Full PDB file with SEQRES, HELIX, SHEET, SSBOND, CRYST1, ORIGX, SCALE, CONECT and MASTER records, all heavy atoms in Angstrom:
SEQRES   1 A   43  ASP LYS LEU VAL ASN VAL THR LYS ALA ASN ALA THR TYR          
SEQRES   2 A   43  THR ALA ASN SER LEU ALA GLU MET GLY PRO ILE VAL PRO          
SEQRES   3 A   43  PRO ARG VAL LYS SER GLY ASP VAL LYS ILE VAL SER ALA          
SEQRES   4 A   43  TYR TYR GLU LEU                                              
HELIX    1 AA1 LYS A    2  LEU A   18  1                                  17    
HELIX    2 AA2 VAL A   25  SER A   31  1                                   7    
CRYST1    1.000    1.000    1.000  90.00  90.00  90.00 P 1           1          
ORIGX1      1.000000  0.000000  0.000000        0.00000                         
ORIGX2      0.000000  1.000000  0.000000        0.00000                         
ORIGX3      0.000000  0.000000  1.000000        0.00000                         
SCALE1      1.000000  0.000000  0.000000        0.00000                         
SCALE2      0.000000  1.000000  0.000000        0.00000                         
SCALE3      0.000000  0.000000  1.000000        0.00000                         
ATOM      1  N   ASP A   1      12.705 -35.946 -19.756  1.00  0.00           N  
ATOM      2  CA  ASP A   1      13.708 -35.248 -18.967  1.00  0.00           C  
ATOM      3  C   ASP A   1      13.673 -33.746 -19.257  1.00  0.00           C  
ATOM      4  O   ASP A   1      13.755 -33.321 -20.406  1.00  0.00           O  
ATOM      5  CB  ASP A   1      15.098 -35.809 -19.293  1.00  0.00           C  
ATOM      6  CG  ASP A   1      16.180 -35.209 -18.440  1.00  0.00           C  
ATOM      7  OD1 ASP A   1      16.660 -34.109 -18.792  1.00  0.00           O  
ATOM      8  OD2 ASP A   1      16.558 -35.829 -17.438  1.00  0.00           O  
ATOM      9  N   LYS A   2      13.536 -32.952 -18.221  1.00  0.00           N  
ATOM     10  CA  LYS A   2      13.378 -31.503 -18.389  1.00  0.00           C  
ATOM     11  C   LYS A   2      14.584 -30.873 -19.083  1.00  0.00           C  
ATOM     12  O   LYS A   2      14.423 -30.057 -19.997  1.00  0.00           O  
ATOM     13  CB  LYS A   2      13.163 -30.849 -17.027  1.00  0.00           C  
ATOM     14  CG  LYS A   2      12.816 -29.361 -17.092  1.00  0.00           C  
ATOM     15  CD  LYS A   2      12.661 -28.769 -15.696  1.00  0.00           C  
ATOM     16  CE  LYS A   2      11.582 -29.463 -14.904  1.00  0.00           C  
ATOM     17  NZ  LYS A   2      11.371 -28.845 -13.564  1.00  0.00           N  
ATOM     18  N   LEU A   3      15.789 -31.223 -18.664  1.00  0.00           N  
ATOM     19  CA  LEU A   3      16.990 -30.627 -19.258  1.00  0.00           C  
ATOM     20  C   LEU A   3      17.151 -31.030 -20.711  1.00  0.00           C  
ATOM     21  O   LEU A   3      17.500 -30.199 -21.557  1.00  0.00           O  
ATOM     22  CB  LEU A   3      18.231 -31.024 -18.453  1.00  0.00           C  
ATOM     23  CG  LEU A   3      19.574 -30.492 -18.968  1.00  0.00           C  
ATOM     24  CD1 LEU A   3      19.545 -28.972 -19.109  1.00  0.00           C  
ATOM     25  CD2 LEU A   3      20.717 -30.929 -18.050  1.00  0.00           C  
ATOM     26  N   VAL A   4      16.891 -32.288 -21.010  1.00  0.00           N  
ATOM     27  CA  VAL A   4      16.974 -32.744 -22.407  1.00  0.00           C  
ATOM     28  C   VAL A   4      15.954 -31.999 -23.260  1.00  0.00           C  
ATOM     29  O   VAL A   4      16.266 -31.538 -24.366  1.00  0.00           O  
ATOM     30  CB  VAL A   4      16.747 -34.272 -22.507  1.00  0.00           C  
ATOM     31  CG1 VAL A   4      16.649 -34.704 -23.972  1.00  0.00           C  
ATOM     32  CG2 VAL A   4      17.871 -35.023 -21.812  1.00  0.00           C  
ATOM     33  N   ASN A   5      14.742 -31.866 -22.750  1.00  0.00           N  
ATOM     34  CA  ASN A   5      13.692 -31.164 -23.496  1.00  0.00           C  
ATOM     35  C   ASN A   5      14.090 -29.720 -23.793  1.00  0.00           C  
ATOM     36  O   ASN A   5      13.919 -29.229 -24.914  1.00  0.00           O  
ATOM     37  CB  ASN A   5      12.379 -31.173 -22.707  1.00  0.00           C  
ATOM     38  CG  ASN A   5      11.740 -32.539 -22.645  1.00  0.00           C  
ATOM     39  OD1 ASN A   5      12.100 -33.436 -23.405  1.00  0.00           O  
ATOM     40  ND2 ASN A   5      10.791 -32.725 -21.731  1.00  0.00           N  
ATOM     41  N   VAL A   6      14.616 -29.034 -22.782  1.00  0.00           N  
ATOM     42  CA  VAL A   6      15.006 -27.636 -22.964  1.00  0.00           C  
ATOM     43  C   VAL A   6      16.168 -27.514 -23.931  1.00  0.00           C  
ATOM     44  O   VAL A   6      16.170 -26.648 -24.816  1.00  0.00           O  
ATOM     45  CB  VAL A   6      15.379 -26.996 -21.600  1.00  0.00           C  
ATOM     46  CG1 VAL A   6      16.049 -25.639 -21.808  1.00  0.00           C  
ATOM     47  CG2 VAL A   6      14.147 -26.843 -20.730  1.00  0.00           C  
ATOM     48  N   THR A   7      17.153 -28.382 -23.803  1.00  0.00           N  
ATOM     49  CA  THR A   7      18.335 -28.304 -24.661  1.00  0.00           C  
ATOM     50  C   THR A   7      17.983 -28.540 -26.123  1.00  0.00           C  
ATOM     51  O   THR A   7      18.457 -27.828 -27.013  1.00  0.00           O  
ATOM     52  CB  THR A   7      19.394 -29.318 -24.206  1.00  0.00           C  
ATOM     53  OG1 THR A   7      19.697 -29.098 -22.820  1.00  0.00           O  
ATOM     54  CG2 THR A   7      20.664 -29.164 -25.019  1.00  0.00           C  
ATOM     55  N   LYS A   8      17.156 -29.530 -26.368  1.00  0.00           N  
ATOM     56  CA  LYS A   8      16.749 -29.813 -27.748  1.00  0.00           C  
ATOM     57  C   LYS A   8      15.894 -28.675 -28.304  1.00  0.00           C  
ATOM     58  O   LYS A   8      16.088 -28.230 -29.450  1.00  0.00           O  
ATOM     59  CB  LYS A   8      15.979 -31.135 -27.814  1.00  0.00           C  
ATOM     60  CG  LYS A   8      16.851 -32.360 -27.596  1.00  0.00           C  
ATOM     61  CD  LYS A   8      16.030 -33.644 -27.720  1.00  0.00           C  
ATOM     62  CE  LYS A   8      16.906 -34.877 -27.563  1.00  0.00           C  
ATOM     63  NZ  LYS A   8      16.115 -36.140 -27.691  1.00  0.00           N  
ATOM     64  N   ALA A   9      14.958 -28.198 -27.495  1.00  0.00           N  
ATOM     65  CA  ALA A   9      14.090 -27.109 -27.936  1.00  0.00           C  
ATOM     66  C   ALA A   9      14.889 -25.836 -28.179  1.00  0.00           C  
ATOM     67  O   ALA A   9      14.589 -25.072 -29.105  1.00  0.00           O  
ATOM     68  CB  ALA A   9      12.999 -26.859 -26.898  1.00  0.00           C  
ATOM     69  N   ASN A  10      15.903 -25.607 -27.370  1.00  0.00           N  
ATOM     70  CA  ASN A  10      16.747 -24.428 -27.532  1.00  0.00           C  
ATOM     71  C   ASN A  10      17.504 -24.461 -28.854  1.00  0.00           C  
ATOM     72  O   ASN A  10      17.599 -23.452 -29.563  1.00  0.00           O  
ATOM     73  CB  ASN A  10      17.731 -24.332 -26.359  1.00  0.00           C  
ATOM     74  CG  ASN A  10      18.600 -23.099 -26.429  1.00  0.00           C  
ATOM     75  OD1 ASN A  10      18.114 -21.981 -26.551  1.00  0.00           O  
ATOM     76  ND2 ASN A  10      19.905 -23.299 -26.361  1.00  0.00           N  
ATOM     77  N   ALA A  11      18.050 -25.627 -29.211  1.00  0.00           N  
ATOM     78  CA  ALA A  11      18.757 -25.762 -30.483  1.00  0.00           C  
ATOM     79  C   ALA A  11      17.809 -25.546 -31.658  1.00  0.00           C  
ATOM     80  O   ALA A  11      18.142 -24.852 -32.631  1.00  0.00           O  
ATOM     81  CB  ALA A  11      19.411 -27.136 -30.576  1.00  0.00           C  
ATOM     82  N   THR A  12      16.621 -26.121 -31.563  1.00  0.00           N  
ATOM     83  CA  THR A  12      15.643 -25.970 -32.642  1.00  0.00           C  
ATOM     84  C   THR A  12      15.150 -24.533 -32.746  1.00  0.00           C  
ATOM     85  O   THR A  12      14.976 -23.995 -33.854  1.00  0.00           O  
ATOM     86  CB  THR A  12      14.459 -26.924 -32.408  1.00  0.00           C  
ATOM     87  OG1 THR A  12      14.938 -28.272 -32.404  1.00  0.00           O  
ATOM     88  CG2 THR A  12      13.410 -26.774 -33.501  1.00  0.00           C  
ATOM     89  N   TYR A  13      14.929 -23.904 -31.593  1.00  0.00           N  
ATOM     90  CA  TYR A  13      14.483 -22.509 -31.580  1.00  0.00           C  
ATOM     91  C   TYR A  13      15.517 -21.610 -32.263  1.00  0.00           C  
ATOM     92  O   TYR A  13      15.167 -20.738 -33.079  1.00  0.00           O  
ATOM     93  CB  TYR A  13      14.257 -22.061 -30.140  1.00  0.00           C  
ATOM     94  CG  TYR A  13      13.916 -20.596 -29.997  1.00  0.00           C  
ATOM     95  CD1 TYR A  13      12.610 -20.143 -30.201  1.00  0.00           C  
ATOM     96  CD2 TYR A  13      14.899 -19.659 -29.670  1.00  0.00           C  
ATOM     97  CE1 TYR A  13      12.293 -18.795 -30.088  1.00  0.00           C  
ATOM     98  CE2 TYR A  13      14.587 -18.316 -29.558  1.00  0.00           C  
ATOM     99  CZ  TYR A  13      13.292 -17.886 -29.757  1.00  0.00           C  
ATOM    100  OH  TYR A  13      12.998 -16.546 -29.643  1.00  0.00           O  
ATOM    101  N   THR A  14      16.792 -21.814 -31.943  1.00  0.00           N  
ATOM    102  CA  THR A  14      17.837 -21.000 -32.562  1.00  0.00           C  
ATOM    103  C   THR A  14      17.923 -21.255 -34.055  1.00  0.00           C  
ATOM    104  O   THR A  14      18.075 -20.317 -34.849  1.00  0.00           O  
ATOM    105  CB  THR A  14      19.199 -21.293 -31.902  1.00  0.00           C  
ATOM    106  OG1 THR A  14      19.129 -20.967 -30.507  1.00  0.00           O  
ATOM    107  CG2 THR A  14      20.309 -20.473 -32.543  1.00  0.00           C  
ATOM    108  N   ALA A  15      17.813 -22.515 -34.461  1.00  0.00           N  
ATOM    109  CA  ALA A  15      17.863 -22.848 -35.882  1.00  0.00           C  
ATOM    110  C   ALA A  15      16.716 -22.180 -36.635  1.00  0.00           C  
ATOM    111  O   ALA A  15      16.913 -21.600 -37.718  1.00  0.00           O  
ATOM    112  CB  ALA A  15      17.806 -24.364 -36.063  1.00  0.00           C  
ATOM    113  N   ASN A  16      15.525 -22.246 -36.069  1.00  0.00           N  
ATOM    114  CA  ASN A  16      14.370 -21.608 -36.716  1.00  0.00           C  
ATOM    115  C   ASN A  16      14.523 -20.093 -36.773  1.00  0.00           C  
ATOM    116  O   ASN A  16      14.124 -19.455 -37.753  1.00  0.00           O  
ATOM    117  CB  ASN A  16      13.090 -21.971 -35.966  1.00  0.00           C  
ATOM    118  CG  ASN A  16      12.718 -23.440 -36.115  1.00  0.00           C  
ATOM    119  OD1 ASN A  16      13.164 -24.103 -37.053  1.00  0.00           O  
ATOM    120  ND2 ASN A  16      11.908 -23.950 -35.207  1.00  0.00           N  
ATOM    121  N   SER A  17      15.108 -19.523 -35.724  1.00  0.00           N  
ATOM    122  CA  SER A  17      15.310 -18.076 -35.689  1.00  0.00           C  
ATOM    123  C   SER A  17      16.297 -17.628 -36.752  1.00  0.00           C  
ATOM    124  O   SER A  17      16.109 -16.587 -37.396  1.00  0.00           O  
ATOM    125  CB  SER A  17      15.811 -17.649 -34.302  1.00  0.00           C  
ATOM    126  OG  SER A  17      14.852 -17.931 -33.302  1.00  0.00           O  
ATOM    127  N   LEU A  18      17.345 -18.407 -36.958  1.00  0.00           N  
ATOM    128  CA  LEU A  18      18.363 -18.060 -37.956  1.00  0.00           C  
ATOM    129  C   LEU A  18      17.769 -17.963 -39.362  1.00  0.00           C  
ATOM    130  O   LEU A  18      18.224 -17.169 -40.181  1.00  0.00           O  
ATOM    131  CB  LEU A  18      19.488 -19.097 -37.951  1.00  0.00           C  
ATOM    132  CG  LEU A  18      20.506 -19.000 -36.819  1.00  0.00           C  
ATOM    133  CD1 LEU A  18      21.453 -20.181 -36.862  1.00  0.00           C  
ATOM    134  CD2 LEU A  18      21.281 -17.690 -36.918  1.00  0.00           C  
ATOM    135  N   ALA A  19      16.769 -18.789 -39.615  1.00  0.00           N  
ATOM    136  CA  ALA A  19      16.144 -18.801 -40.945  1.00  0.00           C  
ATOM    137  C   ALA A  19      15.396 -17.509 -41.240  1.00  0.00           C  
ATOM    138  O   ALA A  19      15.014 -17.259 -42.391  1.00  0.00           O  
ATOM    139  CB  ALA A  19      15.194 -19.984 -41.068  1.00  0.00           C  
ATOM    140  N   GLU A  20      15.214 -16.663 -40.202  1.00  0.00           N  
ATOM    141  CA  GLU A  20      14.466 -15.425 -40.379  1.00  0.00           C  
ATOM    142  C   GLU A  20      15.271 -14.190 -39.993  1.00  0.00           C  
ATOM    143  O   GLU A  20      14.728 -13.080 -39.979  1.00  0.00           O  
ATOM    144  CB  GLU A  20      13.184 -15.482 -39.535  1.00  0.00           C  
ATOM    145  CG  GLU A  20      12.266 -16.635 -39.893  1.00  0.00           C  
ATOM    146  CD  GLU A  20      11.043 -16.715 -39.002  1.00  0.00           C  
ATOM    147  OE1 GLU A  20      10.977 -15.928 -38.027  1.00  0.00           O  
ATOM    148  OE2 GLU A  20      10.159 -17.550 -39.275  1.00  0.00           O  
ATOM    149  N   MET A  21      16.551 -14.362 -39.678  1.00  0.00           N  
ATOM    150  CA  MET A  21      17.359 -13.249 -39.180  1.00  0.00           C  
ATOM    151  C   MET A  21      18.254 -12.648 -40.262  1.00  0.00           C  
ATOM    152  O   MET A  21      18.983 -13.359 -40.946  1.00  0.00           O  
ATOM    153  CB  MET A  21      18.244 -13.719 -38.017  1.00  0.00           C  
ATOM    154  CG  MET A  21      17.472 -14.095 -36.771  1.00  0.00           C  
ATOM    155  SD  MET A  21      18.530 -14.741 -35.437  1.00  0.00           S  
ATOM    156  CE  MET A  21      19.474 -13.260 -35.021  1.00  0.00           C  
ATOM    157  N   GLY A  22      18.167 -11.317 -40.406  1.00  0.00           N  
ATOM    158  CA  GLY A  22      19.077 -10.592 -41.277  1.00  0.00           C  
ATOM    159  C   GLY A  22      18.755 -10.712 -42.756  1.00  0.00           C  
ATOM    160  O   GLY A  22      17.866 -11.457 -43.163  1.00  0.00           O  
ATOM    161  N   PRO A  23      19.521 -10.001 -43.586  1.00  0.00           N  
ATOM    162  CA  PRO A  23      19.254  -9.962 -45.022  1.00  0.00           C  
ATOM    163  C   PRO A  23      19.974 -11.035 -45.835  1.00  0.00           C  
ATOM    164  O   PRO A  23      19.713 -11.180 -47.021  1.00  0.00           O  
ATOM    165  CB  PRO A  23      19.785  -8.577 -45.416  1.00  0.00           C  
ATOM    166  CG  PRO A  23      20.960  -8.387 -44.495  1.00  0.00           C  
ATOM    167  CD  PRO A  23      20.558  -9.034 -43.179  1.00  0.00           C  
ATOM    168  N   ILE A  24      20.863 -11.799 -45.227  1.00  0.00           N  
ATOM    169  CA  ILE A  24      21.712 -12.718 -45.990  1.00  0.00           C  
ATOM    170  C   ILE A  24      21.229 -14.160 -45.947  1.00  0.00           C  
ATOM    171  O   ILE A  24      21.099 -14.818 -46.989  1.00  0.00           O  
ATOM    172  CB  ILE A  24      23.173 -12.628 -45.493  1.00  0.00           C  
ATOM    173  CG1 ILE A  24      23.734 -11.236 -45.810  1.00  0.00           C  
ATOM    174  CG2 ILE A  24      24.038 -13.709 -46.126  1.00  0.00           C  
ATOM    175  CD1 ILE A  24      25.125 -10.982 -45.262  1.00  0.00           C  
ATOM    176  N   VAL A  25      20.963 -14.661 -44.758  1.00  0.00           N  
ATOM    177  CA  VAL A  25      20.623 -16.082 -44.615  1.00  0.00           C  
ATOM    178  C   VAL A  25      19.224 -16.430 -45.122  1.00  0.00           C  
ATOM    179  O   VAL A  25      19.067 -17.399 -45.882  1.00  0.00           O  
ATOM    180  CB  VAL A  25      20.812 -16.537 -43.156  1.00  0.00           C  
ATOM    181  CG1 VAL A  25      20.325 -17.970 -42.963  1.00  0.00           C  
ATOM    182  CG2 VAL A  25      22.280 -16.423 -42.750  1.00  0.00           C  
ATOM    183  N   PRO A  26      18.159 -15.703 -44.728  1.00  0.00           N  
ATOM    184  CA  PRO A  26      16.801 -16.102 -45.126  1.00  0.00           C  
ATOM    185  C   PRO A  26      16.594 -16.303 -46.633  1.00  0.00           C  
ATOM    186  O   PRO A  26      15.987 -17.320 -47.021  1.00  0.00           O  
ATOM    187  CB  PRO A  26      15.934 -14.954 -44.589  1.00  0.00           C  
ATOM    188  CG  PRO A  26      16.685 -14.478 -43.387  1.00  0.00           C  
ATOM    189  CD  PRO A  26      18.127 -14.557 -43.796  1.00  0.00           C  
ATOM    190  N   PRO A  27      17.063 -15.393 -47.514  1.00  0.00           N  
ATOM    191  CA  PRO A  27      16.845 -15.626 -48.950  1.00  0.00           C  
ATOM    192  C   PRO A  27      17.506 -16.905 -49.449  1.00  0.00           C  
ATOM    193  O   PRO A  27      16.966 -17.602 -50.319  1.00  0.00           O  
ATOM    194  CB  PRO A  27      17.481 -14.393 -49.608  1.00  0.00           C  
ATOM    195  CG  PRO A  27      17.512 -13.351 -48.549  1.00  0.00           C  
ATOM    196  CD  PRO A  27      17.733 -14.093 -47.278  1.00  0.00           C  
ATOM    197  N   ARG A  28      18.664 -17.221 -48.893  1.00  0.00           N  
ATOM    198  CA  ARG A  28      19.371 -18.440 -49.317  1.00  0.00           C  
ATOM    199  C   ARG A  28      18.691 -19.690 -48.798  1.00  0.00           C  
ATOM    200  O   ARG A  28      18.734 -20.737 -49.442  1.00  0.00           O  
ATOM    201  CB  ARG A  28      20.834 -18.378 -48.851  1.00  0.00           C  
ATOM    202  CG  ARG A  28      21.687 -17.387 -49.645  1.00  0.00           C  
ATOM    203  CD  ARG A  28      23.047 -17.196 -48.995  1.00  0.00           C  
ATOM    204  NE  ARG A  28      23.998 -16.494 -49.836  1.00  0.00           N  
ATOM    205  CZ  ARG A  28      24.055 -15.178 -49.983  1.00  0.00           C  
ATOM    206  NH1 ARG A  28      23.182 -14.421 -49.313  1.00  0.00           N  
ATOM    207  NH2 ARG A  28      24.943 -14.615 -50.770  1.00  0.00           N  
ATOM    208  N   VAL A  29      18.069 -19.577 -47.630  1.00  0.00           N  
ATOM    209  CA  VAL A  29      17.301 -20.704 -47.102  1.00  0.00           C  
ATOM    210  C   VAL A  29      16.074 -20.951 -47.986  1.00  0.00           C  
ATOM    211  O   VAL A  29      15.761 -22.092 -48.348  1.00  0.00           O  
ATOM    212  CB  VAL A  29      16.866 -20.449 -45.643  1.00  0.00           C  
ATOM    213  CG1 VAL A  29      15.877 -21.520 -45.173  1.00  0.00           C  
ATOM    214  CG2 VAL A  29      18.079 -20.426 -44.723  1.00  0.00           C  
ATOM    215  N   LYS A  30      15.396 -19.870 -48.353  1.00  0.00           N  
ATOM    216  CA  LYS A  30      14.197 -19.993 -49.188  1.00  0.00           C  
ATOM    217  C   LYS A  30      14.518 -20.551 -50.568  1.00  0.00           C  
ATOM    218  O   LYS A  30      13.723 -21.300 -51.146  1.00  0.00           O  
ATOM    219  CB  LYS A  30      13.517 -18.631 -49.308  1.00  0.00           C  
ATOM    220  CG  LYS A  30      12.874 -18.158 -48.008  1.00  0.00           C  
ATOM    221  CD  LYS A  30      12.235 -16.791 -48.166  1.00  0.00           C  
ATOM    222  CE  LYS A  30      11.625 -16.318 -46.851  1.00  0.00           C  
ATOM    223  NZ  LYS A  30      11.030 -14.960 -46.971  1.00  0.00           N  
ATOM    224  N   SER A  31      15.693 -20.215 -51.097  1.00  0.00           N  
ATOM    225  CA  SER A  31      16.079 -20.697 -52.431  1.00  0.00           C  
ATOM    226  C   SER A  31      16.614 -22.128 -52.392  1.00  0.00           C  
ATOM    227  O   SER A  31      16.758 -22.762 -53.438  1.00  0.00           O  
ATOM    228  CB  SER A  31      17.145 -19.777 -53.031  1.00  0.00           C  
ATOM    229  OG  SER A  31      18.377 -19.890 -52.320  1.00  0.00           O  
ATOM    230  N   GLY A  32      16.928 -22.623 -51.202  1.00  0.00           N  
ATOM    231  CA  GLY A  32      17.473 -23.970 -51.083  1.00  0.00           C  
ATOM    232  C   GLY A  32      18.982 -24.030 -51.142  1.00  0.00           C  
ATOM    233  O   GLY A  32      19.571 -25.121 -51.063  1.00  0.00           O  
ATOM    234  N   ASP A  33      19.629 -22.871 -51.270  1.00  0.00           N  
ATOM    235  CA  ASP A  33      21.089 -22.845 -51.320  1.00  0.00           C  
ATOM    236  C   ASP A  33      21.713 -23.071 -49.948  1.00  0.00           C  
ATOM    237  O   ASP A  33      22.869 -23.486 -49.841  1.00  0.00           O  
ATOM    238  CB  ASP A  33      21.582 -21.505 -51.889  1.00  0.00           C  
ATOM    239  CG  ASP A  33      21.206 -21.317 -53.347  1.00  0.00           C  
ATOM    240  OD1 ASP A  33      21.151 -22.336 -54.069  1.00  0.00           O  
ATOM    241  OD2 ASP A  33      20.946 -20.174 -53.760  1.00  0.00           O  
ATOM    242  N   VAL A  34      20.961 -22.768 -48.908  1.00  0.00           N  
ATOM    243  CA  VAL A  34      21.433 -22.963 -47.535  1.00  0.00           C  
ATOM    244  C   VAL A  34      20.376 -23.741 -46.764  1.00  0.00           C  
ATOM    245  O   VAL A  34      19.177 -23.493 -46.903  1.00  0.00           O  
ATOM    246  CB  VAL A  34      21.710 -21.617 -46.832  1.00  0.00           C  
ATOM    247  CG1 VAL A  34      21.948 -21.813 -45.342  1.00  0.00           C  
ATOM    248  CG2 VAL A  34      22.916 -20.926 -47.452  1.00  0.00           C  
ATOM    249  N   LYS A  35      20.844 -24.675 -45.961  1.00  0.00           N  
ATOM    250  CA  LYS A  35      19.949 -25.470 -45.114  1.00  0.00           C  
ATOM    251  C   LYS A  35      20.381 -25.281 -43.668  1.00  0.00           C  
ATOM    252  O   LYS A  35      21.572 -25.244 -43.362  1.00  0.00           O  
ATOM    253  CB  LYS A  35      20.036 -26.949 -45.504  1.00  0.00           C  
ATOM    254  CG  LYS A  35      19.084 -27.872 -44.741  1.00  0.00           C  
ATOM    255  CD  LYS A  35      19.233 -29.308 -45.223  1.00  0.00           C  
ATOM    256  CE  LYS A  35      18.280 -30.251 -44.521  1.00  0.00           C  
ATOM    257  NZ  LYS A  35      16.880 -29.983 -44.907  1.00  0.00           N  
ATOM    258  N   ILE A  36      19.391 -25.145 -42.774  1.00  0.00           N  
ATOM    259  CA  ILE A  36      19.671 -25.015 -41.341  1.00  0.00           C  
ATOM    260  C   ILE A  36      19.042 -26.188 -40.620  1.00  0.00           C  
ATOM    261  O   ILE A  36      17.860 -26.477 -40.799  1.00  0.00           O  
ATOM    262  CB  ILE A  36      19.100 -23.692 -40.776  1.00  0.00           C  
ATOM    263  CG1 ILE A  36      19.627 -22.488 -41.567  1.00  0.00           C  
ATOM    264  CG2 ILE A  36      19.477 -23.545 -39.308  1.00  0.00           C  
ATOM    265  CD1 ILE A  36      19.021 -21.166 -41.136  1.00  0.00           C  
ATOM    266  N   VAL A  37      19.847 -26.866 -39.799  1.00  0.00           N  
ATOM    267  CA  VAL A  37      19.339 -28.005 -39.044  1.00  0.00           C  
ATOM    268  C   VAL A  37      19.754 -27.872 -37.583  1.00  0.00           C  
ATOM    269  O   VAL A  37      20.736 -27.211 -37.259  1.00  0.00           O  
ATOM    270  CB  VAL A  37      19.855 -29.349 -39.610  1.00  0.00           C  
ATOM    271  CG1 VAL A  37      19.355 -29.568 -41.026  1.00  0.00           C  
ATOM    272  CG2 VAL A  37      21.380 -29.412 -39.573  1.00  0.00           C  
ATOM    273  N   SER A  38      18.997 -28.508 -36.701  1.00  0.00           N  
ATOM    274  CA  SER A  38      19.353 -28.538 -35.287  1.00  0.00           C  
ATOM    275  C   SER A  38      19.736 -29.957 -34.910  1.00  0.00           C  
ATOM    276  O   SER A  38      19.300 -30.931 -35.538  1.00  0.00           O  
ATOM    277  CB  SER A  38      18.198 -28.029 -34.420  1.00  0.00           C  
ATOM    278  OG  SER A  38      17.021 -28.774 -34.664  1.00  0.00           O  
ATOM    279  N   ALA A  39      20.561 -30.063 -33.858  1.00  0.00           N  
ATOM    280  CA  ALA A  39      21.069 -31.372 -33.466  1.00  0.00           C  
ATOM    281  C   ALA A  39      21.307 -31.412 -31.966  1.00  0.00           C  
ATOM    282  O   ALA A  39      21.380 -30.375 -31.296  1.00  0.00           O  
ATOM    283  CB  ALA A  39      22.362 -31.679 -34.220  1.00  0.00           C  
ATOM    284  N   TYR A  40      21.451 -32.628 -31.454  1.00  0.00           N  
ATOM    285  CA  TYR A  40      21.679 -32.841 -30.028  1.00  0.00           C  
ATOM    286  C   TYR A  40      22.784 -33.873 -29.882  1.00  0.00           C  
ATOM    287  O   TYR A  40      22.660 -35.015 -30.349  1.00  0.00           O  
ATOM    288  CB  TYR A  40      20.397 -33.325 -29.360  1.00  0.00           C  
ATOM    289  CG  TYR A  40      20.511 -33.640 -27.886  1.00  0.00           C  
ATOM    290  CD1 TYR A  40      20.420 -32.625 -26.934  1.00  0.00           C  
ATOM    291  CD2 TYR A  40      20.681 -34.954 -27.440  1.00  0.00           C  
ATOM    292  CE1 TYR A  40      20.496 -32.916 -25.569  1.00  0.00           C  
ATOM    293  CE2 TYR A  40      20.753 -35.239 -26.084  1.00  0.00           C  
ATOM    294  CZ  TYR A  40      20.666 -34.225 -25.152  1.00  0.00           C  
ATOM    295  OH  TYR A  40      20.745 -34.507 -23.820  1.00  0.00           O  
ATOM    296  N   TYR A  41      23.871 -33.474 -29.218  1.00  0.00           N  
ATOM    297  CA  TYR A  41      25.027 -34.353 -29.047  1.00  0.00           C  
ATOM    298  C   TYR A  41      24.995 -35.000 -27.670  1.00  0.00           C  
ATOM    299  O   TYR A  41      24.957 -34.305 -26.652  1.00  0.00           O  
ATOM    300  CB  TYR A  41      26.311 -33.537 -29.238  1.00  0.00           C  
ATOM    301  CG  TYR A  41      27.582 -34.270 -28.908  1.00  0.00           C  
ATOM    302  CD1 TYR A  41      27.879 -35.499 -29.485  1.00  0.00           C  
ATOM    303  CD2 TYR A  41      28.511 -33.724 -28.021  1.00  0.00           C  
ATOM    304  CE1 TYR A  41      29.050 -36.171 -29.187  1.00  0.00           C  
ATOM    305  CE2 TYR A  41      29.691 -34.388 -27.714  1.00  0.00           C  
ATOM    306  CZ  TYR A  41      29.952 -35.610 -28.301  1.00  0.00           C  
ATOM    307  OH  TYR A  41      31.113 -36.281 -28.008  1.00  0.00           O  
ATOM    308  N   GLU A  42      25.024 -36.323 -27.644  1.00  0.00           N  
ATOM    309  CA  GLU A  42      25.017 -37.065 -26.386  1.00  0.00           C  
ATOM    310  C   GLU A  42      26.461 -37.363 -25.967  1.00  0.00           C  
ATOM    311  O   GLU A  42      27.170 -38.121 -26.645  1.00  0.00           O  
ATOM    312  CB  GLU A  42      24.233 -38.373 -26.549  1.00  0.00           C  
ATOM    313  CG  GLU A  42      24.248 -39.287 -25.336  1.00  0.00           C  
ATOM    314  CD  GLU A  42      23.810 -38.608 -24.058  1.00  0.00           C  
ATOM    315  OE1 GLU A  42      22.667 -38.085 -24.027  1.00  0.00           O  
ATOM    316  OE2 GLU A  42      24.607 -38.580 -23.097  1.00  0.00           O  
ATOM    317  N   LEU A  43      26.876 -36.752 -24.859  1.00  0.00           N  
ATOM    318  CA  LEU A  43      28.257 -36.893 -24.415  1.00  0.00           C  
ATOM    319  C   LEU A  43      28.627 -38.337 -24.082  1.00  0.00           C  
ATOM    320  O   LEU A  43      29.773 -38.749 -24.286  1.00  0.00           O  
ATOM    321  CB  LEU A  43      28.497 -36.019 -23.174  1.00  0.00           C  
ATOM    322  CG  LEU A  43      28.420 -34.502 -23.356  1.00  0.00           C  
ATOM    323  CD1 LEU A  43      28.457 -33.822 -21.991  1.00  0.00           C  
ATOM    324  CD2 LEU A  43      29.558 -34.002 -24.228  1.00  0.00           C  
TER     325      LEU A  43                                                      
MASTER        0    0    0    2    0    0    0    6  324    1    0    4          
END                                                                             
């Protein structure tokens, strides 16, 4: 399903981007103090 594919990929893309954005989150992700995950909620 095209919409499902885009929605899931969009959540994952944002999650991956957060792991590399700014000076605060990335170091904590690398150290294991912070974890970023993506998810899909079925209404």
